[in-house]
Amino acid sequence: MTVIITEMTTKYLYIVNHYIPFPHSEYGGVWNVIASNSDECFDLITAKDDGFYAKYYPNLLENIHNARVYTLASDTEESKVVEEFTT
């Protein structure tokens, strides 16, 4: 009998405020991201952003660290940007 052990990684839901000043955006937005940690959350948001707001990434790091973070009951969710609302 072969037993396969998979590493369980706790996943979190990050709700990140991402303010970008006028004239690029009047309000910024909110990102809902499933990630294993804050570094992965940052990587997922910046990959989706594709460098467009790169000069605001230092603010994004701070916003991720100040985000509301919830532990997910299941670790089967893949890491991803679940939803974004940006203006």
PDB file of N, CA and C in Angstrom:
ATOM      1  N   MET A   1       0.843  -1.170   0.000  1.00  0.00           N
ATOM      2  CA  MET A   1       0.000   0.000   0.000  1.00  0.00           C
ATOM      3  C   MET A   1       0.894   1.242   0.000  1.00  0.00           C
ATOM      4  N   THR A   2       0.612   2.162  -0.899  1.00  0.00           N
ATOM      5  CA  THR A   2       1.356   3.419  -0.981  1.00  0.00           C
ATOM      6  C   THR A   2       0.535   4.517  -0.328  1.00  0.00           C
ATOM      7  N   VAL A   3       1.188   5.251   0.563  1.00  0.00           N
ATOM      8  CA  VAL A   3       0.515   6.360   1.219  1.00  0.00           C
ATOM      9  C   VAL A   3       1.152   7.646   0.711  1.00  0.00           C
ATOM     10  N   ILE A   4       0.329   8.538   0.209  1.00  0.00           N
ATOM     11  CA  ILE A   4       0.817   9.821  -0.290  1.00  0.00           C
ATOM     12  C   ILE A   4       0.459  10.881   0.737  1.00  0.00           C
ATOM     13  N   ILE A   5       1.477  11.565   1.211  1.00  0.00           N
ATOM     14  CA  ILE A   5       1.266  12.626   2.185  1.00  0.00           C
ATOM     15  C   ILE A   5       1.435  13.957   1.467  1.00  0.00           C
ATOM     16  N   THR A   6       0.416  14.777   1.549  1.00  0.00           N
ATOM     17  CA  THR A   6       0.510  16.101   0.945  1.00  0.00           C
ATOM     18  C   THR A   6       0.624  17.135   2.055  1.00  0.00           C
ATOM     19  N   GLU A   7       1.427  18.116   1.822  1.00  0.00           N
ATOM     20  CA  GLU A   7       1.617  19.169   2.804  1.00  0.00           C
ATOM     21  C   GLU A   7       0.401  20.080   2.811  1.00  0.00           C
ATOM     22  N   MET A   8      -0.158  20.279   3.986  1.00  0.00           N
ATOM     23  CA  MET A   8      -1.314  21.144   4.131  1.00  0.00           C
ATOM     24  C   MET A   8      -0.818  22.556   4.397  1.00  0.00           C
ATOM     25  N   THR A   9      -1.259  23.481   3.600  1.00  0.00           N
ATOM     26  CA  THR A   9      -0.892  24.874   3.772  1.00  0.00           C
ATOM     27  C   THR A   9      -2.137  25.653   4.140  1.00  0.00           C
ATOM     28  N   THR A  10      -2.055  26.357   5.247  1.00  0.00           N
ATOM     29  CA  THR A  10      -3.183  27.172   5.657  1.00  0.00           C
ATOM     30  C   THR A  10      -3.341  28.320   4.677  1.00  0.00           C
ATOM     31  N   LYS A  11      -4.562  28.568   4.280  1.00  0.00           N
ATOM     32  CA  LYS A  11      -4.865  29.669   3.363  1.00  0.00           C
ATOM     33  C   LYS A  11      -5.650  30.735   4.117  1.00  0.00           C
ATOM     34  N   TYR A  12      -5.463  31.959   3.669  1.00  0.00           N
ATOM     35  CA  TYR A  12      -6.112  33.098   4.291  1.00  0.00           C
ATOM     36  C   TYR A  12      -6.816  33.935   3.224  1.00  0.00           C
ATOM     37  N   LEU A  13      -7.881  34.592   3.635  1.00  0.00           N
ATOM     38  CA  LEU A  13      -8.546  35.564   2.784  1.00  0.00           C
ATOM     39  C   LEU A  13      -8.083  36.938   3.242  1.00  0.00           C
ATOM     40  N   TYR A  14      -7.424  37.660   2.357  1.00  0.00           N
ATOM     41  CA  TYR A  14      -6.958  39.020   2.625  1.00  0.00           C
ATOM     42  C   TYR A  14      -7.929  39.993   1.963  1.00  0.00           C
ATOM     43  N   ILE A  15      -8.395  40.966   2.723  1.00  0.00           N
ATOM     44  CA  ILE A  15      -9.219  42.047   2.169  1.00  0.00           C
ATOM     45  C   ILE A  15      -8.368  43.301   2.261  1.00  0.00           C
ATOM     46  N   VAL A  16      -7.828  43.711   1.108  1.00  0.00           N
ATOM     47  CA  VAL A  16      -6.784  44.732   1.058  1.00  0.00           C
ATOM     48  C   VAL A  16      -7.320  46.017   0.432  1.00  0.00           C
ATOM     49  N   ASN A  17      -7.246  47.114   1.162  1.00  0.00           N
ATOM     50  CA  ASN A  17      -7.543  48.427   0.594  1.00  0.00           C
ATOM     51  C   ASN A  17      -6.321  48.857  -0.207  1.00  0.00           C
ATOM     52  N   HIS A  18      -6.558  49.360  -1.393  1.00  0.00           N
ATOM     53  CA  HIS A  18      -5.428  49.753  -2.247  1.00  0.00           C
ATOM     54  C   HIS A  18      -5.719  51.126  -2.834  1.00  0.00           C
ATOM     55  N   TYR A  19      -5.329  52.141  -2.091  1.00  0.00           N
ATOM     56  CA  TYR A  19      -5.566  53.520  -2.515  1.00  0.00           C
ATOM     57  C   TYR A  19      -4.537  53.948  -3.545  1.00  0.00           C
ATOM     58  N   ILE A  20      -5.011  54.522  -4.625  1.00  0.00           N
ATOM     59  CA  ILE A  20      -4.150  55.102  -5.658  1.00  0.00           C
ATOM     60  C   ILE A  20      -4.658  56.516  -5.889  1.00  0.00           C
ATOM     61  N   PRO A  21      -3.800  57.518  -5.690  1.00  0.00           N
ATOM     62  CA  PRO A  21      -4.273  58.904  -5.753  1.00  0.00           C
ATOM     63  C   PRO A  21      -4.673  59.362  -7.152  1.00  0.00           C
ATOM     64  N   PHE A  22      -5.494  60.390  -7.155  1.00  0.00           N
ATOM     65  CA  PHE A  22      -5.901  61.076  -8.374  1.00  0.00           C
ATOM     66  C   PHE A  22      -4.655  61.597  -9.085  1.00  0.00           C
ATOM     67  N   PRO A  23      -4.494  61.577 -10.374  1.00  0.00           N
ATOM     68  CA  PRO A  23      -5.499  61.380 -11.413  1.00  0.00           C
ATOM     69  C   PRO A  23      -5.632  59.938 -11.888  1.00  0.00           C
ATOM     70  N   HIS A  24      -4.800  59.024 -11.396  1.00  0.00           N
ATOM     71  CA  HIS A  24      -4.908  57.631 -11.847  1.00  0.00           C
ATOM     72  C   HIS A  24      -6.202  56.988 -11.366  1.00  0.00           C
ATOM     73  N   SER A  25      -6.557  57.289 -10.148  1.00  0.00           N
ATOM     74  CA  SER A  25      -7.764  56.737  -9.572  1.00  0.00           C
ATOM     75  C   SER A  25      -8.281  57.740  -8.556  1.00  0.00           C
ATOM     76  N   GLU A  26      -9.559  57.841  -8.473  1.00  0.00           N
ATOM     77  CA  GLU A  26     -10.107  58.781  -7.514  1.00  0.00           C
ATOM     78  C   GLU A  26     -10.179  58.172  -6.124  1.00  0.00           C
ATOM     79  N   TYR A  27     -10.329  56.857  -6.063  1.00  0.00           N
ATOM     80  CA  TYR A  27     -10.520  56.211  -4.773  1.00  0.00           C
ATOM     81  C   TYR A  27      -9.583  55.039  -4.519  1.00  0.00           C
ATOM     82  N   GLY A  28      -9.087  54.402  -5.564  1.00  0.00           N
ATOM     83  CA  GLY A  28      -8.311  53.184  -5.376  1.00  0.00           C
ATOM     84  C   GLY A  28      -9.221  51.993  -5.493  1.00  0.00           C
ATOM     85  N   GLY A  29      -9.182  51.115  -4.500  1.00  0.00           N
ATOM     86  CA  GLY A  29     -10.050  49.953  -4.571  1.00  0.00           C
ATOM     87  C   GLY A  29      -9.816  48.983  -3.456  1.00  0.00           C
ATOM     88  N   VAL A  30     -10.419  47.811  -3.607  1.00  0.00           N
ATOM     89  CA  VAL A  30     -10.305  46.727  -2.640  1.00  0.00           C
ATOM     90  C   VAL A  30      -9.976  45.454  -3.408  1.00  0.00           C
ATOM     91  N   TRP A  31      -9.033  44.697  -2.884  1.00  0.00           N
ATOM     92  CA  TRP A  31      -8.666  43.401  -3.460  1.00  0.00           C
ATOM     93  C   TRP A  31      -9.015  42.315  -2.452  1.00  0.00           C
ATOM     94  N   ASN A  32      -9.699  41.278  -2.886  1.00  0.00           N
ATOM     95  CA  ASN A  32      -9.969  40.088  -2.072  1.00  0.00           C
ATOM     96  C   ASN A  32      -9.102  38.972  -2.641  1.00  0.00           C
ATOM     97  N   VAL A  33      -8.186  38.488  -1.801  1.00  0.00           N
ATOM     98  CA  VAL A  33      -7.162  37.561  -2.287  1.00  0.00           C
ATOM     99  C   VAL A  33      -7.055  36.359  -1.352  1.00  0.00           C
ATOM    100  N   ILE A  34      -7.001  35.163  -1.921  1.00  0.00           N
ATOM    101  CA  ILE A  34      -6.692  33.959  -1.156  1.00  0.00           C
ATOM    102  C   ILE A  34      -5.204  33.703  -1.331  1.00  0.00           C
ATOM    103  N   ALA A  35      -4.496  33.634  -0.199  1.00  0.00           N
ATOM    104  CA  ALA A  35      -3.044  33.431  -0.251  1.00  0.00           C
ATOM    105  C   ALA A  35      -2.564  32.725   1.016  1.00  0.00           C
ATOM    106  N   SER A  36      -1.377  32.145   0.933  1.00  0.00           N
ATOM    107  CA  SER A  36      -0.780  31.457   2.076  1.00  0.00           C
ATOM    108  C   SER A  36      -0.120  32.423   3.054  1.00  0.00           C
ATOM    109  N   ASN A  37       0.287  33.585   2.552  1.00  0.00           N
ATOM    110  CA  ASN A  37       0.948  34.572   3.409  1.00  0.00           C
ATOM    111  C   ASN A  37       0.922  35.932   2.712  1.00  0.00           C
ATOM    112  N   SER A  38       1.404  36.950   3.394  1.00  0.00           N
ATOM    113  CA  SER A  38       1.346  38.308   2.843  1.00  0.00           C
ATOM    114  C   SER A  38       2.232  38.477   1.611  1.00  0.00           C
ATOM    115  N   ASP A  39       3.351  37.763   1.555  1.00  0.00           N
ATOM    116  CA  ASP A  39       4.210  37.849   0.368  1.00  0.00           C
ATOM    117  C   ASP A  39       3.498  37.315  -0.870  1.00  0.00           C
ATOM    118  N   GLU A  40       2.807  36.191  -0.702  1.00  0.00           N
ATOM    119  CA  GLU A  40       2.073  35.628  -1.837  1.00  0.00           C
ATOM    120  C   GLU A  40       0.920  36.550  -2.225  1.00  0.00           C
ATOM    121  N   CYS A  41       0.271  37.155  -1.253  1.00  0.00           N
ATOM    122  CA  CYS A  41      -0.801  38.110  -1.541  1.00  0.00           C
ATOM    123  C   CYS A  41      -0.260  39.261  -2.390  1.00  0.00           C
ATOM    124  N   PHE A  42       0.868  39.813  -1.989  1.00  0.00           N
ATOM    125  CA  PHE A  42       1.502  40.900  -2.744  1.00  0.00           C
ATOM    126  C   PHE A  42       1.811  40.448  -4.175  1.00  0.00           C
ATOM    127  N   ASP A  43       2.404  39.258  -4.310  1.00  0.00           N
ATOM    128  CA  ASP A  43       2.760  38.747  -5.638  1.00  0.00           C
ATOM    129  C   ASP A  43       1.538  38.571  -6.533  1.00  0.00           C
ATOM    130  N   LEU A  44       0.443  38.088  -5.969  1.00  0.00           N
ATOM    131  CA  LEU A  44      -0.775  37.881  -6.765  1.00  0.00           C
ATOM    132  C   LEU A  44      -1.371  39.205  -7.233  1.00  0.00           C
ATOM    133  N   ILE A  45      -1.393  40.198  -6.340  1.00  0.00           N
ATOM    134  CA  ILE A  45      -1.945  41.499  -6.727  1.00  0.00           C
ATOM    135  C   ILE A  45      -1.063  42.170  -7.772  1.00  0.00           C
ATOM    136  N   THR A  46       0.237  42.164  -7.563  1.00  0.00           N
ATOM    137  CA  THR A  46       1.116  42.840  -8.509  1.00  0.00           C
ATOM    138  C   THR A  46       1.156  42.117  -9.856  1.00  0.00           C
ATOM    139  N   ALA A  47       0.984  40.811  -9.864  1.00  0.00           N
ATOM    140  CA  ALA A  47       0.930  40.080 -11.138  1.00  0.00           C
ATOM    141  C   ALA A  47      -0.322  40.485 -11.911  1.00  0.00           C
ATOM    142  N   LYS A  48      -1.419  40.638 -11.213  1.00  0.00           N
ATOM    143  CA  LYS A  48      -2.673  41.046 -11.867  1.00  0.00           C
ATOM    144  C   LYS A  48      -2.588  42.501 -12.327  1.00  0.00           C
ATOM    145  N   ASP A  49      -1.907  43.331 -11.543  1.00  0.00           N
ATOM    146  CA  ASP A  49      -1.743  44.752 -11.856  1.00  0.00           C
ATOM    147  C   ASP A  49      -0.779  44.956 -13.025  1.00  0.00           C
ATOM    148  N   ASP A  50       0.121  43.990 -13.229  1.00  0.00           N
ATOM    149  CA  ASP A  50       1.072  43.988 -14.343  1.00  0.00           C
ATOM    150  C   ASP A  50       1.962  45.234 -14.367  1.00  0.00           C
ATOM    151  N   GLY A  51       2.314  45.743 -13.182  1.00  0.00           N
ATOM    152  CA  GLY A  51       3.248  46.861 -13.089  1.00  0.00           C
ATOM    153  C   GLY A  51       2.662  48.227 -13.347  1.00  0.00           C
ATOM    154  N   PHE A  52       1.355  48.279 -13.612  1.00  0.00           N
ATOM    155  CA  PHE A  52       0.730  49.548 -13.983  1.00  0.00           C
ATOM    156  C   PHE A  52       0.858  50.597 -12.880  1.00  0.00           C
ATOM    157  N   TYR A  53       0.724  50.172 -11.628  1.00  0.00           N
ATOM    158  CA  TYR A  53       0.825  51.098 -10.493  1.00  0.00           C
ATOM    159  C   TYR A  53       2.048  50.787  -9.634  1.00  0.00           C
ATOM    160  N   ALA A  54       3.137  50.408 -10.254  1.00  0.00           N
ATOM    161  CA  ALA A  54       4.334  49.968  -9.531  1.00  0.00           C
ATOM    162  C   ALA A  54       4.844  50.988  -8.522  1.00  0.00           C
ATOM    163  N   LYS A  55       4.695  52.267  -8.813  1.00  0.00           N
ATOM    164  CA  LYS A  55       5.218  53.262  -7.876  1.00  0.00           C
ATOM    165  C   LYS A  55       4.426  53.280  -6.568  1.00  0.00           C
ATOM    166  N   TYR A  56       3.245  52.646  -6.540  1.00  0.00           N
ATOM    167  CA  TYR A  56       2.448  52.568  -5.316  1.00  0.00           C
ATOM    168  C   TYR A  56       2.612  51.236  -4.582  1.00  0.00           C
ATOM    169  N   TYR A  57       3.506  50.368  -5.068  1.00  0.00           N
ATOM    170  CA  TYR A  57       3.697  49.069  -4.425  1.00  0.00           C
ATOM    171  C   TYR A  57       4.185  49.180  -2.979  1.00  0.00           C
ATOM    172  N   PRO A  58       5.028  50.157  -2.619  1.00  0.00           N
ATOM    173  CA  PRO A  58       5.374  50.281  -1.194  1.00  0.00           C
ATOM    174  C   PRO A  58       4.135  50.527  -0.323  1.00  0.00           C
ATOM    175  N   ASN A  59       3.193  51.318  -0.819  1.00  0.00           N
ATOM    176  CA  ASN A  59       1.934  51.525  -0.091  1.00  0.00           C
ATOM    177  C   ASN A  59       1.131  50.230  -0.037  1.00  0.00           C
ATOM    178  N   LEU A  60       1.174  49.466  -1.105  1.00  0.00           N
ATOM    179  CA  LEU A  60       0.446  48.204  -1.155  1.00  0.00           C
ATOM    180  C   LEU A  60       0.969  47.251  -0.090  1.00  0.00           C
ATOM    181  N   LEU A  61       2.291  47.172   0.080  1.00  0.00           N
ATOM    182  CA  LEU A  61       2.860  46.308   1.122  1.00  0.00           C
ATOM    183  C   LEU A  61       2.316  46.672   2.493  1.00  0.00           C
ATOM    184  N   GLU A  62       2.264  47.953   2.783  1.00  0.00           N
ATOM    185  CA  GLU A  62       1.737  48.414   4.062  1.00  0.00           C
ATOM    186  C   GLU A  62       0.247  48.076   4.176  1.00  0.00           C
ATOM    187  N   ASN A  63      -0.487  48.250   3.085  1.00  0.00           N
ATOM    188  CA  ASN A  63      -1.920  47.941   3.101  1.00  0.00           C
ATOM    189  C   ASN A  63      -2.178  46.454   3.326  1.00  0.00           C
ATOM    190  N   ILE A  64      -1.326  45.603   2.776  1.00  0.00           N
ATOM    191  CA  ILE A  64      -1.470  44.159   2.993  1.00  0.00           C
ATOM    192  C   ILE A  64      -1.228  43.833   4.463  1.00  0.00           C
ATOM    193  N   HIS A  65      -0.226  44.452   5.045  1.00  0.00           N
ATOM    194  CA  HIS A  65       0.062  44.196   6.460  1.00  0.00           C
ATOM    195  C   HIS A  65      -1.044  44.736   7.365  1.00  0.00           C
ATOM    196  N   ASN A  66      -1.797  45.730   6.899  1.00  0.00           N
ATOM    197  CA  ASN A  66      -2.913  46.286   7.667  1.00  0.00           C
ATOM    198  C   ASN A  66      -4.264  45.704   7.262  1.00  0.00           C
ATOM    199  N   ALA A  67      -4.256  44.748   6.340  1.00  0.00           N
ATOM    200  CA  ALA A  67      -5.495  44.174   5.806  1.00  0.00           C
ATOM    201  C   ALA A  67      -6.233  43.348   6.852  1.00  0.00           C
ATOM    202  N   ARG A  68      -7.533  43.220   6.613  1.00  0.00           N
ATOM    203  CA  ARG A  68      -8.302  42.239   7.381  1.00  0.00           C
ATOM    204  C   ARG A  68      -7.956  40.875   6.803  1.00  0.00           C
ATOM    205  N   VAL A  69      -7.606  39.938   7.684  1.00  0.00           N
ATOM    206  CA  VAL A  69      -7.165  38.613   7.248  1.00  0.00           C
ATOM    207  C   VAL A  69      -7.989  37.565   7.998  1.00  0.00           C
ATOM    208  N   TYR A  70      -8.534  36.616   7.229  1.00  0.00           N
ATOM    209  CA  TYR A  70      -9.369  35.569   7.809  1.00  0.00           C
ATOM    210  C   TYR A  70      -8.809  34.208   7.407  1.00  0.00           C
ATOM    211  N   THR A  71      -8.700  33.307   8.363  1.00  0.00           N
ATOM    212  CA  THR A  71      -8.258  31.947   8.078  1.00  0.00           C
ATOM    213  C   THR A  71      -9.399  31.199   7.407  1.00  0.00           C
ATOM    214  N   LEU A  72      -9.100  30.527   6.318  1.00  0.00           N
ATOM    215  CA  LEU A  72     -10.115  29.743   5.612  1.00  0.00           C
ATOM    216  C   LEU A  72     -10.256  28.375   6.271  1.00  0.00           C
ATOM    217  N   ALA A  73     -11.455  27.857   6.295  1.00  0.00           N
ATOM    218  CA  ALA A  73     -11.723  26.576   6.932  1.00  0.00           C
ATOM    219  C   ALA A  73     -11.105  25.411   6.159  1.00  0.00           C
ATOM    220  N   SER A  74     -10.923  25.589   4.875  1.00  0.00           N
ATOM    221  CA  SER A  74     -10.375  24.533   4.027  1.00  0.00           C
ATOM    222  C   SER A  74      -9.123  25.037   3.334  1.00  0.00           C
ATOM    223  N   ASP A  75      -8.138  24.171   3.191  1.00  0.00           N
ATOM    224  CA  ASP A  75      -6.909  24.552   2.495  1.00  0.00           C
ATOM    225  C   ASP A  75      -6.942  24.119   1.032  1.00  0.00           C
ATOM    226  N   THR A  76      -8.111  23.748   0.537  1.00  0.00           N
ATOM    227  CA  THR A  76      -8.199  23.259  -0.840  1.00  0.00           C
ATOM    228  C   THR A  76      -8.322  24.377  -1.857  1.00  0.00           C
ATOM    229  N   GLU A  77      -8.568  25.591  -1.390  1.00  0.00           N
ATOM    230  CA  GLU A  77      -8.663  26.721  -2.316  1.00  0.00           C
ATOM    231  C   GLU A  77      -7.294  27.040  -2.888  1.00  0.00           C
ATOM    232  N   GLU A  78      -7.246  27.296  -4.181  1.00  0.00           N
ATOM    233  CA  GLU A  78      -5.988  27.702  -4.798  1.00  0.00           C
ATOM    234  C   GLU A  78      -5.764  29.190  -4.531  1.00  0.00           C
ATOM    235  N   SER A  79      -4.508  29.570  -4.427  1.00  0.00           N
ATOM    236  CA  SER A  79      -4.180  30.976  -4.222  1.00  0.00           C
ATOM    237  C   SER A  79      -4.564  31.755  -5.463  1.00  0.00           C
ATOM    238  N   LYS A  80      -5.270  32.881  -5.250  1.00  0.00           N
ATOM    239  CA  LYS A  80      -5.735  33.658  -6.410  1.00  0.00           C
ATOM    240  C   LYS A  80      -6.331  34.969  -5.937  1.00  0.00           C
ATOM    241  N   VAL A  81      -6.454  35.899  -6.869  1.00  0.00           N
ATOM    242  CA  VAL A  81      -7.241  37.101  -6.636  1.00  0.00           C
ATOM    243  C   VAL A  81      -8.685  36.676  -6.870  1.00  0.00           C
ATOM    244  N   VAL A  82      -9.490  36.749  -5.812  1.00  0.00           N
ATOM    245  CA  VAL A  82     -10.885  36.321  -5.907  1.00  0.00           C
ATOM    246  C   VAL A  82     -11.707  37.399  -6.596  1.00  0.00           C
ATOM    247  N   GLU A  83     -11.484  38.639  -6.175  1.00  0.00           N
ATOM    248  CA  GLU A  83     -12.243  39.738  -6.730  1.00  0.00           C
ATOM    249  C   GLU A  83     -11.473  41.020  -6.507  1.00  0.00           C
ATOM    250  N   GLU A  84     -11.619  41.955  -7.436  1.00  0.00           N
ATOM    251  CA  GLU A  84     -11.028  43.273  -7.268  1.00  0.00           C
ATOM    252  C   GLU A  84     -12.057  44.312  -7.669  1.00  0.00           C
ATOM    253  N   PHE A  85     -12.019  45.408  -6.950  1.00  0.00           N
ATOM    254  CA  PHE A  85     -12.840  46.549  -7.306  1.00  0.00           C
ATOM    255  C   PHE A  85     -11.920  47.749  -7.280  1.00  0.00           C
ATOM    256  N   THR A  86     -11.590  48.264  -8.437  1.00  0.00           N
ATOM    257  CA  THR A  86     -10.713  49.429  -8.521  1.00  0.00           C
ATOM    258  C   THR A  86     -11.357  50.453  -9.420  1.00  0.00           C
ATOM    259  N   THR A  87     -11.050  51.723  -9.125  1.00  0.00           N
ATOM    260  CA  THR A  87     -11.622  52.791  -9.937  1.00  0.00           C
ATOM    261  C   THR A  87     -10.533  53.513 -10.672  1.00  0.00           C
TER     262      THR A  87
END
